[in-house]
N, C-alpha and C. Protein backbone atom coordinates (compact mmCIF):
# COMPACT_ATOMS: atom_id res chain seq x y z
N MET A 1 50.95 -7.21 -104.37
CA MET A 1 52.31 -7.71 -104.42
C MET A 1 53.26 -6.51 -104.28
N THR A 2 54.27 -6.65 -103.45
CA THR A 2 55.22 -5.57 -103.24
C THR A 2 56.16 -5.45 -104.43
N THR A 3 56.79 -4.30 -104.53
CA THR A 3 57.75 -4.08 -105.62
C THR A 3 58.88 -5.08 -105.53
N THR A 4 59.36 -5.36 -104.34
CA THR A 4 60.43 -6.34 -104.16
C THR A 4 60.01 -7.71 -104.66
N ALA A 5 58.81 -8.13 -104.34
CA ALA A 5 58.32 -9.43 -104.79
C ALA A 5 58.24 -9.49 -106.31
N LYS A 6 57.91 -8.37 -106.95
CA LYS A 6 57.85 -8.34 -108.40
C LYS A 6 59.24 -8.45 -109.03
N LEU A 7 60.25 -7.94 -108.33
CA LEU A 7 61.61 -7.95 -108.88
C LEU A 7 62.32 -9.28 -108.72
N ILE A 8 61.94 -10.11 -107.77
CA ILE A 8 62.63 -11.37 -107.51
C ILE A 8 62.68 -12.26 -108.75
N PRO A 9 61.56 -12.49 -109.46
CA PRO A 9 61.66 -13.31 -110.66
C PRO A 9 62.59 -12.71 -111.71
N LEU A 10 62.62 -11.38 -111.82
CA LEU A 10 63.50 -10.74 -112.78
C LEU A 10 64.96 -10.96 -112.41
N LEU A 11 65.27 -10.86 -111.13
CA LEU A 11 66.64 -11.07 -110.69
C LEU A 11 67.05 -12.51 -110.92
N LYS A 12 66.15 -13.43 -110.67
CA LYS A 12 66.49 -14.83 -110.88
C LYS A 12 66.76 -15.10 -112.35
N ARG A 13 65.96 -14.52 -113.25
CA ARG A 13 66.19 -14.69 -114.69
C ARG A 13 67.53 -14.07 -115.07
N GLU A 14 67.81 -12.90 -114.53
CA GLU A 14 69.09 -12.24 -114.81
C GLU A 14 70.25 -13.11 -114.34
N ASP A 15 70.12 -13.70 -113.15
CA ASP A 15 71.16 -14.59 -112.65
C ASP A 15 71.34 -15.80 -113.56
N ARG A 16 70.20 -16.34 -114.03
CA ARG A 16 70.28 -17.49 -114.95
C ARG A 16 70.98 -17.10 -116.24
N GLU A 17 70.69 -15.93 -116.76
CA GLU A 17 71.33 -15.45 -117.98
C GLU A 17 72.83 -15.26 -117.78
N LYS A 18 73.21 -14.68 -116.64
CA LYS A 18 74.63 -14.49 -116.36
C LYS A 18 75.36 -15.82 -116.29
N LYS A 19 74.75 -16.81 -115.64
CA LYS A 19 75.36 -18.13 -115.53
C LYS A 19 75.49 -18.78 -116.90
N LEU A 20 74.42 -18.72 -117.70
CA LEU A 20 74.46 -19.29 -119.03
C LEU A 20 75.53 -18.62 -119.87
N ARG A 21 75.56 -17.30 -119.81
CA ARG A 21 76.56 -16.56 -120.59
C ARG A 21 77.96 -16.95 -120.16
N SER A 22 78.19 -16.99 -118.87
CA SER A 22 79.51 -17.35 -118.36
C SER A 22 79.91 -18.75 -118.82
N ASP A 23 78.99 -19.70 -118.69
CA ASP A 23 79.28 -21.08 -119.11
C ASP A 23 79.61 -21.15 -120.59
N LEU A 24 78.82 -20.45 -121.42
CA LEU A 24 79.06 -20.47 -122.86
C LEU A 24 80.35 -19.76 -123.22
N CYS A 25 80.59 -18.62 -122.61
CA CYS A 25 81.81 -17.87 -122.90
C CYS A 25 83.06 -18.65 -122.53
N LEU A 26 82.98 -19.41 -121.47
CA LEU A 26 84.14 -20.19 -121.05
C LEU A 26 84.40 -21.39 -121.96
N LYS A 27 83.53 -21.63 -122.94
CA LYS A 27 83.73 -22.71 -123.90
C LYS A 27 84.11 -22.18 -125.28
N CYS A 28 83.75 -20.96 -125.59
CA CYS A 28 83.80 -20.46 -126.97
C CYS A 28 85.07 -19.66 -127.29
N PHE A 29 85.20 -18.50 -126.72
CA PHE A 29 86.34 -17.59 -126.89
C PHE A 29 86.50 -17.04 -128.30
N GLU A 30 85.50 -17.15 -129.17
CA GLU A 30 85.64 -16.62 -130.53
C GLU A 30 85.87 -15.11 -130.53
N CYS A 31 85.22 -14.40 -129.61
CA CYS A 31 85.40 -12.95 -129.57
C CYS A 31 86.82 -12.57 -129.14
N CYS A 32 87.54 -13.49 -128.54
CA CYS A 32 88.91 -13.23 -128.09
C CYS A 32 89.92 -13.47 -129.21
N LYS A 33 89.44 -13.90 -130.36
CA LYS A 33 90.33 -14.25 -131.45
C LYS A 33 90.38 -13.18 -132.54
N LEU A 34 89.74 -12.05 -132.29
CA LEU A 34 89.82 -10.95 -133.24
C LEU A 34 89.54 -9.64 -132.54
N THR A 35 89.96 -8.58 -133.21
CA THR A 35 89.70 -7.23 -132.72
C THR A 35 89.05 -6.46 -133.85
N VAL A 36 87.99 -5.75 -133.54
CA VAL A 36 87.30 -4.92 -134.53
C VAL A 36 87.50 -3.47 -134.13
N ILE A 37 88.08 -2.69 -135.04
CA ILE A 37 88.38 -1.30 -134.76
C ILE A 37 87.54 -0.40 -135.67
N PRO A 38 86.62 0.37 -135.08
CA PRO A 38 85.86 1.33 -135.89
C PRO A 38 86.79 2.47 -136.32
N THR A 39 86.73 2.83 -137.59
CA THR A 39 87.62 3.84 -138.15
C THR A 39 86.84 4.79 -139.04
N ALA A 40 87.06 6.07 -138.87
CA ALA A 40 86.40 7.06 -139.72
C ALA A 40 86.81 6.85 -141.17
N TYR A 41 85.88 7.09 -142.06
CA TYR A 41 86.13 6.89 -143.49
C TYR A 41 85.61 8.08 -144.28
N ASP A 42 86.45 8.58 -145.15
CA ASP A 42 86.07 9.67 -146.04
C ASP A 42 86.20 9.15 -147.46
N LYS A 43 85.09 9.06 -148.17
CA LYS A 43 85.10 8.47 -149.51
C LYS A 43 86.02 9.22 -150.48
N ASP A 44 86.31 10.49 -150.18
CA ASP A 44 87.21 11.25 -151.04
C ASP A 44 88.68 11.02 -150.69
N ASN A 45 88.93 10.38 -149.56
CA ASN A 45 90.30 10.09 -149.13
C ASN A 45 90.35 8.61 -148.77
N LYS A 46 90.70 7.78 -149.71
CA LYS A 46 90.63 6.33 -149.55
C LYS A 46 91.94 5.73 -149.03
N GLU A 47 92.86 6.55 -148.56
CA GLU A 47 94.15 6.04 -148.12
C GLU A 47 94.04 5.08 -146.93
N ALA A 48 93.13 5.38 -146.00
CA ALA A 48 92.96 4.49 -144.84
C ALA A 48 92.49 3.12 -145.30
N LEU A 49 91.51 3.08 -146.18
CA LEU A 49 91.00 1.82 -146.71
C LEU A 49 92.11 1.06 -147.42
N GLU A 50 92.85 1.73 -148.28
CA GLU A 50 93.95 1.09 -149.01
C GLU A 50 95.02 0.58 -148.05
N PHE A 51 95.32 1.35 -147.01
CA PHE A 51 96.33 0.95 -146.03
C PHE A 51 95.94 -0.35 -145.33
N TYR A 52 94.72 -0.40 -144.80
CA TYR A 52 94.28 -1.59 -144.08
C TYR A 52 94.19 -2.80 -145.00
N GLU A 53 93.70 -2.61 -146.21
CA GLU A 53 93.62 -3.73 -147.15
C GLU A 53 95.00 -4.21 -147.54
N ALA A 54 95.96 -3.29 -147.71
CA ALA A 54 97.34 -3.68 -148.05
C ALA A 54 97.98 -4.49 -146.92
N LYS A 55 97.57 -4.22 -145.68
CA LYS A 55 98.08 -4.98 -144.53
C LYS A 55 97.44 -6.35 -144.43
N GLY A 56 96.41 -6.60 -145.23
CA GLY A 56 95.74 -7.89 -145.20
C GLY A 56 94.59 -7.98 -144.22
N PHE A 57 94.17 -6.85 -143.66
CA PHE A 57 93.05 -6.85 -142.72
C PHE A 57 91.73 -6.87 -143.49
N LYS A 58 90.74 -7.49 -142.91
CA LYS A 58 89.40 -7.44 -143.49
C LYS A 58 88.81 -6.08 -143.14
N VAL A 59 88.27 -5.42 -144.14
CA VAL A 59 87.68 -4.10 -143.92
C VAL A 59 86.21 -4.17 -144.34
N VAL A 60 85.35 -3.75 -143.43
CA VAL A 60 83.91 -3.78 -143.68
C VAL A 60 83.40 -2.35 -143.60
N LYS A 61 82.77 -1.90 -144.68
CA LYS A 61 82.14 -0.58 -144.64
C LYS A 61 80.87 -0.71 -143.82
N PHE A 62 80.82 -0.01 -142.71
CA PHE A 62 79.70 -0.12 -141.78
C PHE A 62 78.66 0.96 -142.02
N ALA A 63 79.11 2.09 -142.48
CA ALA A 63 78.24 3.21 -142.80
C ALA A 63 79.00 4.07 -143.81
N ALA A 64 78.37 5.10 -144.31
CA ALA A 64 79.00 5.94 -145.32
C ALA A 64 80.32 6.52 -144.84
N ASP A 65 80.42 6.79 -143.55
CA ASP A 65 81.63 7.43 -143.02
C ASP A 65 82.34 6.59 -141.96
N LEU A 66 82.10 5.27 -141.96
CA LEU A 66 82.69 4.41 -140.93
C LEU A 66 83.10 3.06 -141.51
N LEU A 67 84.33 2.69 -141.23
CA LEU A 67 84.84 1.37 -141.57
C LEU A 67 85.04 0.58 -140.29
N HIS A 68 84.92 -0.72 -140.39
CA HIS A 68 85.33 -1.59 -139.30
C HIS A 68 86.49 -2.41 -139.82
N VAL A 69 87.63 -2.28 -139.15
CA VAL A 69 88.82 -3.03 -139.51
C VAL A 69 88.86 -4.25 -138.60
N VAL A 70 88.85 -5.43 -139.20
CA VAL A 70 88.81 -6.68 -138.45
C VAL A 70 90.21 -7.28 -138.48
N ILE A 71 90.80 -7.42 -137.30
CA ILE A 71 92.15 -7.95 -137.16
C ILE A 71 92.06 -9.29 -136.45
N ALA A 72 92.39 -10.34 -137.15
CA ALA A 72 92.27 -11.69 -136.60
C ALA A 72 93.55 -12.09 -135.88
N ILE A 73 93.66 -11.62 -134.64
CA ILE A 73 94.80 -11.94 -133.78
C ILE A 73 94.24 -12.29 -132.41
N ASP A 74 94.69 -13.41 -131.86
CA ASP A 74 94.23 -13.81 -130.53
C ASP A 74 94.63 -12.77 -129.49
N CYS A 75 93.76 -12.57 -128.52
CA CYS A 75 94.08 -11.72 -127.38
C CYS A 75 95.31 -12.28 -126.66
N ALA A 76 96.14 -11.40 -126.17
CA ALA A 76 97.35 -11.82 -125.46
C ALA A 76 97.04 -12.62 -124.20
N ASN A 77 95.81 -12.50 -123.67
CA ASN A 77 95.44 -13.21 -122.45
C ASN A 77 94.73 -14.54 -122.72
N LEU A 78 94.55 -14.88 -123.99
CA LEU A 78 93.89 -16.14 -124.34
C LEU A 78 94.89 -17.27 -124.34
N THR A 79 94.61 -18.31 -123.57
CA THR A 79 95.46 -19.49 -123.51
C THR A 79 94.66 -20.68 -124.06
N PRO A 80 95.29 -21.83 -124.26
CA PRO A 80 94.52 -23.00 -124.70
C PRO A 80 93.41 -23.40 -123.72
N PHE A 81 93.51 -22.91 -122.50
CA PHE A 81 92.53 -23.24 -121.46
C PHE A 81 91.54 -22.12 -121.23
N GLY A 82 91.64 -21.04 -121.99
CA GLY A 82 90.73 -19.92 -121.83
C GLY A 82 91.45 -18.65 -121.45
N CYS A 83 90.69 -17.71 -120.96
CA CYS A 83 91.21 -16.39 -120.60
C CYS A 83 91.93 -16.46 -119.25
N LYS A 84 93.19 -16.06 -119.25
CA LYS A 84 93.94 -16.13 -118.00
C LYS A 84 93.60 -15.00 -117.04
N ILE A 85 92.84 -14.00 -117.50
CA ILE A 85 92.42 -12.91 -116.61
C ILE A 85 90.90 -12.81 -116.54
N TYR A 86 90.19 -13.91 -116.80
CA TYR A 86 88.73 -13.87 -116.91
C TYR A 86 88.07 -13.20 -115.71
N ALA A 87 88.49 -13.52 -114.52
CA ALA A 87 87.87 -12.93 -113.32
C ALA A 87 88.12 -11.43 -113.23
N ASN A 88 89.20 -10.95 -113.83
CA ASN A 88 89.56 -9.53 -113.78
C ASN A 88 89.67 -8.92 -115.17
N ARG A 89 88.90 -9.44 -116.13
CA ARG A 89 88.97 -8.96 -117.51
C ARG A 89 88.47 -7.53 -117.60
N PRO A 90 88.84 -6.83 -118.68
CA PRO A 90 88.40 -5.44 -118.86
C PRO A 90 86.88 -5.33 -118.97
N LYS A 91 86.38 -4.14 -118.66
CA LYS A 91 84.93 -3.90 -118.68
C LYS A 91 84.33 -4.24 -120.04
N TRP A 92 85.00 -3.89 -121.14
CA TRP A 92 84.43 -4.16 -122.46
C TRP A 92 84.29 -5.64 -122.70
N CYS A 93 85.17 -6.44 -122.16
CA CYS A 93 85.04 -7.90 -122.27
C CYS A 93 83.84 -8.38 -121.46
N LYS A 94 83.62 -7.77 -120.33
CA LYS A 94 82.50 -8.17 -119.47
C LYS A 94 81.15 -7.83 -120.10
N ILE A 95 81.05 -6.69 -120.76
CA ILE A 95 79.76 -6.26 -121.29
C ILE A 95 79.54 -6.71 -122.73
N TYR A 96 80.54 -7.30 -123.34
CA TYR A 96 80.40 -7.77 -124.72
C TYR A 96 79.20 -8.70 -124.85
N ASP A 97 78.44 -8.53 -125.90
CA ASP A 97 77.27 -9.37 -126.15
C ASP A 97 77.36 -9.92 -127.57
N GLY A 98 77.75 -11.17 -127.68
CA GLY A 98 77.90 -11.82 -128.98
C GLY A 98 76.65 -11.87 -129.81
N ARG A 99 75.49 -11.74 -129.15
CA ARG A 99 74.23 -11.75 -129.89
C ARG A 99 74.12 -10.56 -130.82
N LEU A 100 74.88 -9.50 -130.55
CA LEU A 100 74.81 -8.27 -131.34
C LEU A 100 75.99 -8.10 -132.29
N ASP A 101 76.92 -9.03 -132.29
CA ASP A 101 78.17 -8.86 -133.04
C ASP A 101 78.11 -9.56 -134.39
N PRO A 102 78.07 -8.81 -135.48
CA PRO A 102 78.02 -9.44 -136.80
C PRO A 102 79.35 -10.04 -137.23
N PHE A 103 80.42 -9.75 -136.50
CA PHE A 103 81.74 -10.24 -136.88
C PHE A 103 82.09 -11.58 -136.26
N VAL A 104 81.30 -12.03 -135.30
CA VAL A 104 81.56 -13.29 -134.62
C VAL A 104 80.33 -14.19 -134.75
N PRO A 105 80.09 -14.72 -135.94
CA PRO A 105 78.86 -15.50 -136.15
C PRO A 105 78.84 -16.85 -135.44
N VAL A 106 79.99 -17.33 -134.99
CA VAL A 106 80.02 -18.64 -134.32
C VAL A 106 79.92 -18.54 -132.81
N CYS A 107 79.69 -17.35 -132.28
CA CYS A 107 79.59 -17.15 -130.84
C CYS A 107 78.48 -18.03 -130.24
N LEU A 108 78.81 -18.81 -129.23
CA LEU A 108 77.81 -19.67 -128.59
C LEU A 108 76.73 -18.85 -127.90
N TRP A 109 77.11 -17.71 -127.33
CA TRP A 109 76.13 -16.83 -126.67
C TRP A 109 75.14 -16.34 -127.73
N ASN A 110 75.65 -16.07 -128.93
CA ASN A 110 74.80 -15.62 -130.03
C ASN A 110 73.77 -16.68 -130.41
N LYS A 111 74.13 -17.94 -130.31
CA LYS A 111 73.26 -19.02 -130.74
C LYS A 111 72.34 -19.53 -129.63
N SER A 112 72.56 -19.09 -128.41
CA SER A 112 71.74 -19.59 -127.30
C SER A 112 70.37 -18.94 -127.30
N ALA A 113 69.42 -19.66 -126.82
CA ALA A 113 68.06 -19.12 -126.70
C ALA A 113 67.87 -18.65 -125.27
N VAL A 114 68.10 -17.36 -125.05
CA VAL A 114 67.98 -16.79 -123.70
C VAL A 114 66.67 -16.07 -123.59
């Protein structure tokens, strides 16, 4: 079997995954309803933590020296009908994988069996 013949089934599976992801993402949009900002954290200087908590943001200690600040604000491009720039969305939106995101537990992509 040639190398090309071996790759065809892989490409077809990849295409199926892209289609499934696209279909699910166009129904869900949960990742578009919040922003998670990784922030350096120094346990001896808690001002950043106090600042974010005072603003009402959810703060999750991710590691000894890292906080994740979760801001629940819809993306400016999110409409009741979905993303108005979906075809030209930023690279980070394109590569986002809800299966790996602990902050978006209701992501349909996260719940799909791919």
